[in-house]
């Protein structure tokens, strides 16, 4: 079984990296596979780029800074899943 992990962010590079590190550890321990869907709402701190480097198969969607959390999560949920 493969799980979809939906995330929204805006200039939370360090927190997002820490979250993904813990996610990877938990998934490995539970022996589950997951696909990451991240909506980056116009971060200027390189959040999307570091996520792509850490999770190469992540689906990264981008906004322009006005989506806020609810709309960002909605866009991440609407992404085509593999």
PDB file of N, CA and C in Angstrom:
ATOM      1  N   UNK A   1       0.843  -1.160   0.000  1.00  0.00           N
ATOM      2  CA  UNK A   1       0.000   0.000   0.000  1.00  0.00           C
ATOM      3  C   UNK A   1       0.900   1.239   0.000  1.00  0.00           C
ATOM      4  N   UNK A   2       0.504   2.241  -0.759  1.00  0.00           N
ATOM      5  CA  UNK A   2       1.251   3.483  -0.833  1.00  0.00           C
ATOM      6  C   UNK A   2       0.366   4.612  -0.299  1.00  0.00           C
ATOM      7  N   UNK A   3       0.919   5.423   0.595  1.00  0.00           N
ATOM      8  CA  UNK A   3       0.182   6.523   1.192  1.00  0.00           C
ATOM      9  C   UNK A   3       0.517   7.826   0.482  1.00  0.00           C
ATOM     10  N   UNK A   4      -0.460   8.714   0.401  1.00  0.00           N
ATOM     11  CA  UNK A   4      -0.238  10.070  -0.093  1.00  0.00           C
ATOM     12  C   UNK A   4      -0.024  10.970   1.116  1.00  0.00           C
ATOM     13  N   UNK A   5       1.059  11.725   1.097  1.00  0.00           N
ATOM     14  CA  UNK A   5       1.348  12.686   2.160  1.00  0.00           C
ATOM     15  C   UNK A   5       1.185  14.071   1.550  1.00  0.00           C
ATOM     16  N   UNK A   6       0.240  14.843   2.075  1.00  0.00           N
ATOM     17  CA  UNK A   6      -0.035  16.183   1.572  1.00  0.00           C
ATOM     18  C   UNK A   6       0.548  17.202   2.531  1.00  0.00           C
ATOM     19  N   UNK A   7       1.268  18.173   1.982  1.00  0.00           N
ATOM     20  CA  UNK A   7       1.857  19.225   2.807  1.00  0.00           C
ATOM     21  C   UNK A   7       1.701  20.571   2.115  1.00  0.00           C
ATOM     22  N   UNK A   8       1.575  21.597   2.927  1.00  0.00           N
ATOM     23  CA  UNK A   8       1.565  22.967   2.433  1.00  0.00           C
ATOM     24  C   UNK A   8       2.640  23.727   3.189  1.00  0.00           C
ATOM     25  N   UNK A   9       3.336  24.622   2.508  1.00  0.00           N
ATOM     26  CA  UNK A   9       4.372  25.385   3.195  1.00  0.00           C
ATOM     27  C   UNK A   9       4.514  26.774   2.607  1.00  0.00           C
ATOM     28  N   UNK A  10       5.098  27.626   3.416  1.00  0.00           N
ATOM     29  CA  UNK A  10       5.477  28.973   2.998  1.00  0.00           C
ATOM     30  C   UNK A  10       6.615  29.419   3.908  1.00  0.00           C
ATOM     31  N   UNK A  11       7.819  29.451   3.356  1.00  0.00           N
ATOM     32  CA  UNK A  11       9.006  29.887   4.094  1.00  0.00           C
ATOM     33  C   UNK A  11       9.182  29.168   5.426  1.00  0.00           C
ATOM     34  N   UNK A  12       9.119  27.851   5.377  1.00  0.00           N
ATOM     35  CA  UNK A  12       9.330  27.020   6.565  1.00  0.00           C
ATOM     36  C   UNK A  12      10.363  25.942   6.252  1.00  0.00           C
ATOM     37  N   UNK A  13      11.439  26.350   5.632  1.00  0.00           N
ATOM     38  CA  UNK A  13      12.450  25.395   5.165  1.00  0.00           C
ATOM     39  C   UNK A  13      12.933  24.465   6.274  1.00  0.00           C
ATOM     40  N   UNK A  14      13.421  25.004   7.375  1.00  0.00           N
ATOM     41  CA  UNK A  14      13.984  24.181   8.447  1.00  0.00           C
ATOM     42  C   UNK A  14      12.925  23.248   9.044  1.00  0.00           C
ATOM     43  N   UNK A  15      11.726  23.758   9.287  1.00  0.00           N
ATOM     44  CA  UNK A  15      10.661  22.922   9.860  1.00  0.00           C
ATOM     45  C   UNK A  15      10.212  21.853   8.877  1.00  0.00           C
ATOM     46  N   UNK A  16      10.162  22.192   7.603  1.00  0.00           N
ATOM     47  CA  UNK A  16       9.751  21.233   6.587  1.00  0.00           C
ATOM     48  C   UNK A  16      10.783  20.116   6.462  1.00  0.00           C
ATOM     49  N   UNK A  17      12.060  20.462   6.466  1.00  0.00           N
ATOM     50  CA  UNK A  17      13.126  19.455   6.400  1.00  0.00           C
ATOM     51  C   UNK A  17      13.045  18.523   7.604  1.00  0.00           C
ATOM     52  N   UNK A  18      12.882  19.073   8.792  1.00  0.00           N
ATOM     53  CA  UNK A  18      12.782  18.255  10.004  1.00  0.00           C
ATOM     54  C   UNK A  18      11.572  17.330   9.920  1.00  0.00           C
ATOM     55  N   UNK A  19      10.457  17.839   9.452  1.00  0.00           N
ATOM     56  CA  UNK A  19       9.244  17.031   9.295  1.00  0.00           C
ATOM     57  C   UNK A  19       9.489  15.877   8.326  1.00  0.00           C
ATOM     58  N   UNK A  20      10.131  16.153   7.206  1.00  0.00           N
ATOM     59  CA  UNK A  20      10.392  15.107   6.217  1.00  0.00           C
ATOM     60  C   UNK A  20      11.375  14.061   6.737  1.00  0.00           C
ATOM     61  N   UNK A  21      12.339  14.495   7.539  1.00  0.00           N
ATOM     62  CA  UNK A  21      13.265  13.536   8.142  1.00  0.00           C
ATOM     63  C   UNK A  21      12.514  12.575   9.061  1.00  0.00           C
ATOM     64  N   UNK A  22      11.624  13.112   9.885  1.00  0.00           N
ATOM     65  CA  UNK A  22      10.839  12.275  10.786  1.00  0.00           C
ATOM     66  C   UNK A  22       9.860  11.389  10.009  1.00  0.00           C
ATOM     67  N   UNK A  23       9.293  11.915   8.952  1.00  0.00           N
ATOM     68  CA  UNK A  23       8.391  11.124   8.110  1.00  0.00           C
ATOM     69  C   UNK A  23       9.133   9.931   7.523  1.00  0.00           C
ATOM     70  N   UNK A  24      10.323  10.160   7.005  1.00  0.00           N
ATOM     71  CA  UNK A  24      11.103   9.075   6.403  1.00  0.00           C
ATOM     72  C   UNK A  24      11.435   7.996   7.435  1.00  0.00           C
ATOM     73  N   UNK A  25      11.796   8.407   8.635  1.00  0.00           N
ATOM     74  CA  UNK A  25      12.108   7.453   9.704  1.00  0.00           C
ATOM     75  C   UNK A  25      10.873   6.628  10.065  1.00  0.00           C
ATOM     76  N   UNK A  26       9.740   7.313  10.260  1.00  0.00           N
ATOM     77  CA  UNK A  26       8.503   6.617  10.638  1.00  0.00           C
ATOM     78  C   UNK A  26       8.050   5.660   9.538  1.00  0.00           C
ATOM     79  N   UNK A  27       8.137   6.099   8.281  1.00  0.00           N
ATOM     80  CA  UNK A  27       7.719   5.244   7.169  1.00  0.00           C
ATOM     81  C   UNK A  27       8.606   4.012   7.052  1.00  0.00           C
ATOM     82  N   UNK A  28       9.899   4.215   7.236  1.00  0.00           N
ATOM     83  CA  UNK A  28      10.838   3.089   7.168  1.00  0.00           C
ATOM     84  C   UNK A  28      10.553   2.082   8.285  1.00  0.00           C
ATOM     85  N   UNK A  29      10.336   2.580   9.494  1.00  0.00           N
ATOM     86  CA  UNK A  29      10.045   1.693  10.626  1.00  0.00           C
ATOM     87  C   UNK A  29       8.736   0.935  10.436  1.00  0.00           C
ATOM     88  N   UNK A  30       7.743   1.604   9.850  1.00  0.00           N
ATOM     89  CA  UNK A  30       6.438   0.977   9.641  1.00  0.00           C
ATOM     90  C   UNK A  30       6.392   0.170   8.339  1.00  0.00           C
ATOM     91  N   UNK A  31       7.482   0.247   7.574  1.00  0.00           N
ATOM     92  CA  UNK A  31       7.571  -0.460   6.290  1.00  0.00           C
ATOM     93  C   UNK A  31       6.436  -0.064   5.337  1.00  0.00           C
ATOM     94  N   UNK A  32       6.246   1.248   5.227  1.00  0.00           N
ATOM     95  CA  UNK A  32       5.234   1.749   4.291  1.00  0.00           C
ATOM     96  C   UNK A  32       5.912   2.639   3.255  1.00  0.00           C
ATOM     97  N   UNK A  33       5.279   2.725   2.115  1.00  0.00           N
ATOM     98  CA  UNK A  33       5.746   3.566   1.026  1.00  0.00           C
ATOM     99  C   UNK A  33       4.812   4.763   0.939  1.00  0.00           C
ATOM    100  N   UNK A  34       5.345   5.894   0.525  1.00  0.00           N
ATOM    101  CA  UNK A  34       4.505   7.085   0.420  1.00  0.00           C
ATOM    102  C   UNK A  34       4.936   7.953  -0.752  1.00  0.00           C
ATOM    103  N   UNK A  35       4.019   8.766  -1.174  1.00  0.00           N
ATOM    104  CA  UNK A  35       4.264   9.762  -2.226  1.00  0.00           C
ATOM    105  C   UNK A  35       3.981  11.124  -1.609  1.00  0.00           C
ATOM    106  N   UNK A  36       4.927  12.042  -1.714  1.00  0.00           N
ATOM    107  CA  UNK A  36       4.781  13.378  -1.143  1.00  0.00           C
ATOM    108  C   UNK A  36       4.219  14.346  -2.170  1.00  0.00           C
ATOM    109  N   UNK A  37       3.200  15.081  -1.762  1.00  0.00           N
ATOM    110  CA  UNK A  37       2.611  16.151  -2.562  1.00  0.00           C
ATOM    111  C   UNK A  37       2.743  17.430  -1.749  1.00  0.00           C
ATOM    112  N   UNK A  38       3.569  18.351  -2.211  1.00  0.00           N
ATOM    113  CA  UNK A  38       3.836  19.586  -1.483  1.00  0.00           C
ATOM    114  C   UNK A  38       3.342  20.772  -2.294  1.00  0.00           C
ATOM    115  N   UNK A  39       2.566  21.621  -1.643  1.00  0.00           N
ATOM    116  CA  UNK A  39       2.193  22.890  -2.271  1.00  0.00           C
ATOM    117  C   UNK A  39       3.002  23.978  -1.592  1.00  0.00           C
ATOM    118  N   UNK A  40       3.920  24.574  -2.337  1.00  0.00           N
ATOM    119  CA  UNK A  40       4.745  25.658  -1.833  1.00  0.00           C
ATOM    120  C   UNK A  40       4.146  26.971  -2.321  1.00  0.00           C
ATOM    121  N   UNK A  41       3.676  27.763  -1.396  1.00  0.00           N
ATOM    122  CA  UNK A  41       2.965  28.992  -1.760  1.00  0.00           C
ATOM    123  C   UNK A  41       3.902  30.192  -1.905  1.00  0.00           C
ATOM    124  N   UNK A  42       4.880  30.044  -2.764  1.00  0.00           N
ATOM    125  CA  UNK A  42       5.761  31.163  -3.091  1.00  0.00           C
ATOM    126  C   UNK A  42       6.888  31.393  -2.109  1.00  0.00           C
ATOM    127  N   UNK A  43       7.375  30.347  -1.470  1.00  0.00           N
ATOM    128  CA  UNK A  43       8.479  30.504  -0.527  1.00  0.00           C
ATOM    129  C   UNK A  43       9.687  31.154  -1.202  1.00  0.00           C
ATOM    130  N   UNK A  44      10.372  31.984  -0.445  1.00  0.00           N
ATOM    131  CA  UNK A  44      11.579  32.640  -0.950  1.00  0.00           C
ATOM    132  C   UNK A  44      12.831  32.127  -0.240  1.00  0.00           C
ATOM    133  N   UNK A  45      12.667  31.138   0.628  1.00  0.00           N
ATOM    134  CA  UNK A  45      13.789  30.602   1.399  1.00  0.00           C
ATOM    135  C   UNK A  45      14.328  29.285   0.853  1.00  0.00           C
ATOM    136  N   UNK A  46      13.876  28.870  -0.320  1.00  0.00           N
ATOM    137  CA  UNK A  46      14.373  27.642  -0.935  1.00  0.00           C
ATOM    138  C   UNK A  46      13.719  26.370  -0.432  1.00  0.00           C
ATOM    139  N   UNK A  47      12.551  26.494   0.194  1.00  0.00           N
ATOM    140  CA  UNK A  47      11.859  25.317   0.726  1.00  0.00           C
ATOM    141  C   UNK A  47      11.616  24.281  -0.364  1.00  0.00           C
ATOM    142  N   UNK A  48      11.024  24.670  -1.461  1.00  0.00           N
ATOM    143  CA  UNK A  48      10.688  23.721  -2.530  1.00  0.00           C
ATOM    144  C   UNK A  48      11.938  23.029  -3.082  1.00  0.00           C
ATOM    145  N   UNK A  49      13.003  23.778  -3.231  1.00  0.00           N
ATOM    146  CA  UNK A  49      14.231  23.222  -3.789  1.00  0.00           C
ATOM    147  C   UNK A  49      14.850  22.185  -2.852  1.00  0.00           C
ATOM    148  N   UNK A  50      14.869  22.459  -1.555  1.00  0.00           N
ATOM    149  CA  UNK A  50      15.439  21.492  -0.621  1.00  0.00           C
ATOM    150  C   UNK A  50      14.558  20.253  -0.517  1.00  0.00           C
ATOM    151  N   UNK A  51      13.246  20.424  -0.607  1.00  0.00           N
ATOM    152  CA  UNK A  51      12.338  19.272  -0.588  1.00  0.00           C
ATOM    153  C   UNK A  51      12.588  18.408  -1.815  1.00  0.00           C
ATOM    154  N   UNK A  52      12.731  19.024  -2.977  1.00  0.00           N
ATOM    155  CA  UNK A  52      12.991  18.263  -4.207  1.00  0.00           C
ATOM    156  C   UNK A  52      14.300  17.498  -4.102  1.00  0.00           C
ATOM    157  N   UNK A  53      15.304  18.086  -3.440  1.00  0.00           N
ATOM    158  CA  UNK A  53      16.589  17.402  -3.268  1.00  0.00           C
ATOM    159  C   UNK A  53      16.461  16.234  -2.296  1.00  0.00           C
ATOM    160  N   UNK A  54      15.677  16.405  -1.234  1.00  0.00           N
ATOM    161  CA  UNK A  54      15.508  15.348  -0.233  1.00  0.00           C
ATOM    162  C   UNK A  54      14.590  14.228  -0.703  1.00  0.00           C
ATOM    163  N   UNK A  55      13.545  14.602  -1.449  1.00  0.00           N
ATOM    164  CA  UNK A  55      12.538  13.637  -1.909  1.00  0.00           C
ATOM    165  C   UNK A  55      12.374  13.834  -3.421  1.00  0.00           C
ATOM    166  N   UNK A  56      13.278  13.249  -4.199  1.00  0.00           N
ATOM    167  CA  UNK A  56      13.279  13.499  -5.649  1.00  0.00           C
ATOM    168  C   UNK A  56      11.966  13.199  -6.362  1.00  0.00           C
ATOM    169  N   UNK A  57      11.177  12.243  -5.859  1.00  0.00           N
ATOM    170  CA  UNK A  57       9.920  11.917  -6.536  1.00  0.00           C
ATOM    171  C   UNK A  57       8.732  12.712  -5.997  1.00  0.00           C
ATOM    172  N   UNK A  58       9.003  13.719  -5.164  1.00  0.00           N
ATOM    173  CA  UNK A  58       7.922  14.553  -4.635  1.00  0.00           C
ATOM    174  C   UNK A  58       7.261  15.331  -5.769  1.00  0.00           C
ATOM    175  N   UNK A  59       5.956  15.472  -5.666  1.00  0.00           N
ATOM    176  CA  UNK A  59       5.206  16.315  -6.595  1.00  0.00           C
ATOM    177  C   UNK A  59       5.108  17.683  -5.928  1.00  0.00           C
ATOM    178  N   UNK A  60       5.739  18.672  -6.537  1.00  0.00           N
ATOM    179  CA  UNK A  60       5.754  20.002  -5.947  1.00  0.00           C
ATOM    180  C   UNK A  60       4.946  20.949  -6.816  1.00  0.00           C
ATOM    181  N   UNK A  61       3.945  21.509  -6.187  1.00  0.00           N
ATOM    182  CA  UNK A  61       3.093  22.504  -6.832  1.00  0.00           C
ATOM    183  C   UNK A  61       3.455  23.860  -6.247  1.00  0.00           C
ATOM    184  N   UNK A  62       3.312  24.895  -7.031  1.00  0.00           N
ATOM    185  CA  UNK A  62       3.745  26.216  -6.562  1.00  0.00           C
ATOM    186  C   UNK A  62       2.632  27.247  -6.690  1.00  0.00           C
ATOM    187  N   UNK A  63       2.570  28.079  -5.674  1.00  0.00           N
ATOM    188  CA  UNK A  63       1.642  29.199  -5.665  1.00  0.00           C
ATOM    189  C   UNK A  63       2.423  30.495  -5.721  1.00  0.00           C
ATOM    190  N   UNK A  64       1.727  31.592  -5.524  1.00  0.00           N
ATOM    191  CA  UNK A  64       2.340  32.908  -5.623  1.00  0.00           C
ATOM    192  C   UNK A  64       2.252  33.698  -4.316  1.00  0.00           C
ATOM    193  N   UNK A  65       1.905  33.018  -3.230  1.00  0.00           N
ATOM    194  CA  UNK A  65       1.921  33.657  -1.923  1.00  0.00           C
ATOM    195  C   UNK A  65       0.572  34.052  -1.364  1.00  0.00           C
ATOM    196  N   UNK A  66      -0.503  33.722  -2.062  1.00  0.00           N
ATOM    197  CA  UNK A  66      -1.820  34.150  -1.573  1.00  0.00           C
ATOM    198  C   UNK A  66      -2.793  32.993  -1.342  1.00  0.00           C
ATOM    199  N   UNK A  67      -2.283  31.770  -1.305  1.00  0.00           N
ATOM    200  CA  UNK A  67      -3.172  30.622  -1.132  1.00  0.00           C
ATOM    201  C   UNK A  67      -3.501  30.339   0.330  1.00  0.00           C
ATOM    202  N   UNK A  68      -2.557  30.609   1.212  1.00  0.00           N
ATOM    203  CA  UNK A  68      -2.708  30.316   2.631  1.00  0.00           C
ATOM    204  C   UNK A  68      -2.907  28.808   2.830  1.00  0.00           C
ATOM    205  N   UNK A  69      -3.038  28.364   4.073  1.00  0.00           N
ATOM    206  CA  UNK A  69      -2.995  26.942   4.360  1.00  0.00           C
ATOM    207  C   UNK A  69      -4.146  26.159   3.726  1.00  0.00           C
ATOM    208  N   UNK A  70      -5.362  26.583   3.913  1.00  0.00           N
ATOM    209  CA  UNK A  70      -6.519  25.817   3.447  1.00  0.00           C
ATOM    210  C   UNK A  70      -6.504  25.634   1.932  1.00  0.00           C
ATOM    211  N   UNK A  71      -6.319  26.701   1.213  1.00  0.00           N
ATOM    212  CA  UNK A  71      -6.319  26.609  -0.246  1.00  0.00           C
ATOM    213  C   UNK A  71      -5.100  25.822  -0.744  1.00  0.00           C
ATOM    214  N   UNK A  72      -3.969  25.962  -0.047  1.00  0.00           N
ATOM    215  CA  UNK A  72      -2.762  25.209  -0.413  1.00  0.00           C
ATOM    216  C   UNK A  72      -2.985  23.713  -0.266  1.00  0.00           C
ATOM    217  N   UNK A  73      -3.597  23.301   0.843  1.00  0.00           N
ATOM    218  CA  UNK A  73      -3.877  21.883   1.055  1.00  0.00           C
ATOM    219  C   UNK A  73      -4.863  21.364   0.004  1.00  0.00           C
ATOM    220  N   UNK A  74      -5.820  22.189  -0.368  1.00  0.00           N
ATOM    221  CA  UNK A  74      -6.783  21.816  -1.397  1.00  0.00           C
ATOM    222  C   UNK A  74      -6.068  21.581  -2.719  1.00  0.00           C
ATOM    223  N   UNK A  75      -5.114  22.442  -3.061  1.00  0.00           N
ATOM    224  CA  UNK A  75      -4.360  22.280  -4.321  1.00  0.00           C
ATOM    225  C   UNK A  75      -3.479  21.026  -4.259  1.00  0.00           C
ATOM    226  N   UNK A  76      -2.859  20.765  -3.109  1.00  0.00           N
ATOM    227  CA  UNK A  76      -2.037  19.564  -2.980  1.00  0.00           C
ATOM    228  C   UNK A  76      -2.897  18.314  -3.147  1.00  0.00           C
ATOM    229  N   UNK A  77      -4.088  18.348  -2.607  1.00  0.00           N
ATOM    230  CA  UNK A  77      -5.005  17.220  -2.706  1.00  0.00           C
ATOM    231  C   UNK A  77      -5.489  16.994  -4.139  1.00  0.00           C
ATOM    232  N   UNK A  78      -5.531  18.052  -4.920  1.00  0.00           N
ATOM    233  CA  UNK A  78      -6.014  17.965  -6.304  1.00  0.00           C
ATOM    234  C   UNK A  78      -4.939  17.486  -7.282  1.00  0.00           C
ATOM    235  N   UNK A  79      -3.708  17.347  -6.806  1.00  0.00           N
ATOM    236  CA  UNK A  79      -2.605  16.918  -7.688  1.00  0.00           C
ATOM    237  C   UNK A  79      -2.858  15.499  -8.181  1.00  0.00           C
ATOM    238  N   UNK A  80      -2.495  15.228  -9.420  1.00  0.00           N
ATOM    239  CA  UNK A  80      -2.648  13.860  -9.928  1.00  0.00           C
ATOM    240  C   UNK A  80      -1.735  12.905  -9.177  1.00  0.00           C
ATOM    241  N   UNK A  81      -2.296  11.837  -8.712  1.00  0.00           N
ATOM    242  CA  UNK A  81      -1.523  10.857  -7.944  1.00  0.00           C
ATOM    243  C   UNK A  81      -1.091   9.712  -8.855  1.00  0.00           C
ATOM    244  N   UNK A  82       0.111   9.231  -8.593  1.00  0.00           N
ATOM    245  CA  UNK A  82       0.660   8.140  -9.419  1.00  0.00           C
ATOM    246  C   UNK A  82       0.151   6.811  -8.963  1.00  0.00           C
TER     247      UNK A  82
END
